[in-house]
Protein backbone atom coordinates (compact mmCIF):
# COMPACT_ATOMS: atom_id res chain seq x y z
CA MET A 1 80.30 -138.81 -96.40
CA ILE A 2 77.87 -141.70 -97.24
CA GLY A 3 77.64 -144.26 -95.01
CA THR A 4 79.49 -142.76 -92.94
CA PRO A 5 79.42 -143.56 -88.74
CA LEU A 6 78.11 -140.37 -86.61
CA PRO A 7 79.79 -139.85 -83.96
CA LYS A 8 78.17 -140.90 -80.95
CA ARG A 9 77.50 -137.09 -78.68
CA ARG A 10 78.28 -137.62 -75.28
CA GLY A 11 77.72 -136.57 -71.97
CA LYS A 12 75.32 -135.88 -69.70
CA ARG A 13 71.00 -136.98 -70.60
CA GLY A 14 69.11 -135.04 -69.36
CA PRO A 15 68.21 -131.15 -69.69
CA THR A 16 69.53 -129.04 -71.08
CA SER A 17 72.01 -126.75 -68.55
CA ARG A 18 70.80 -122.56 -68.26
CA LEU A 19 75.24 -122.23 -69.12
CA GLN A 20 74.24 -124.66 -72.61
CA GLN A 21 70.85 -122.53 -73.66
CA GLN A 22 72.92 -119.01 -72.36
CA ILE A 23 75.60 -120.63 -74.94
CA GLU A 24 73.30 -121.22 -77.86
CA ALA A 25 71.75 -118.11 -77.14
CA VAL A 26 74.49 -116.19 -77.43
CA GLU A 27 75.45 -117.77 -80.14
CA GLN A 28 72.83 -116.17 -82.25
CA LEU A 29 73.68 -113.18 -81.53
CA PRO A 30 75.34 -110.77 -83.82
CA LYS A 31 79.28 -110.69 -83.52
CA THR A 32 79.67 -106.78 -81.44
CA LYS A 33 76.97 -108.64 -79.33
CA GLN A 34 78.87 -111.83 -79.02
CA GLN A 35 82.66 -110.07 -78.10
CA PHE A 36 80.72 -107.89 -76.15
CA VAL A 37 79.37 -111.11 -73.99
CA SER A 38 82.86 -112.26 -75.00
CA GLN A 39 84.59 -109.56 -72.25
CA MET A 40 82.08 -109.30 -70.32
CA LEU A 41 83.06 -113.01 -68.84
CA ASP A 42 86.85 -112.64 -69.74
CA THR A 43 86.38 -109.93 -66.34
CA VAL A 44 84.70 -111.87 -64.58
CA LEU A 45 86.92 -114.71 -65.06
CA GLU A 46 89.86 -112.36 -64.70
CA GLN A 47 89.05 -111.55 -60.71
CA ALA A 48 87.95 -115.30 -60.11
CA GLY A 49 90.72 -116.41 -60.41
CA GLN A 50 92.55 -112.95 -58.41
CA ARG A 51 90.86 -114.96 -55.20
């Protein structure tokens, strides 16, 4: 809306982290490739949780 203040961004100042850059790059991929990346992340995170 016009006249509505924008929410302030919270978080760290400075250069974007490598992970954030990768997330932004994945967002630009076609949905099928995004799903592939998501499945890989699920697998890695699941394995990391078993330790």
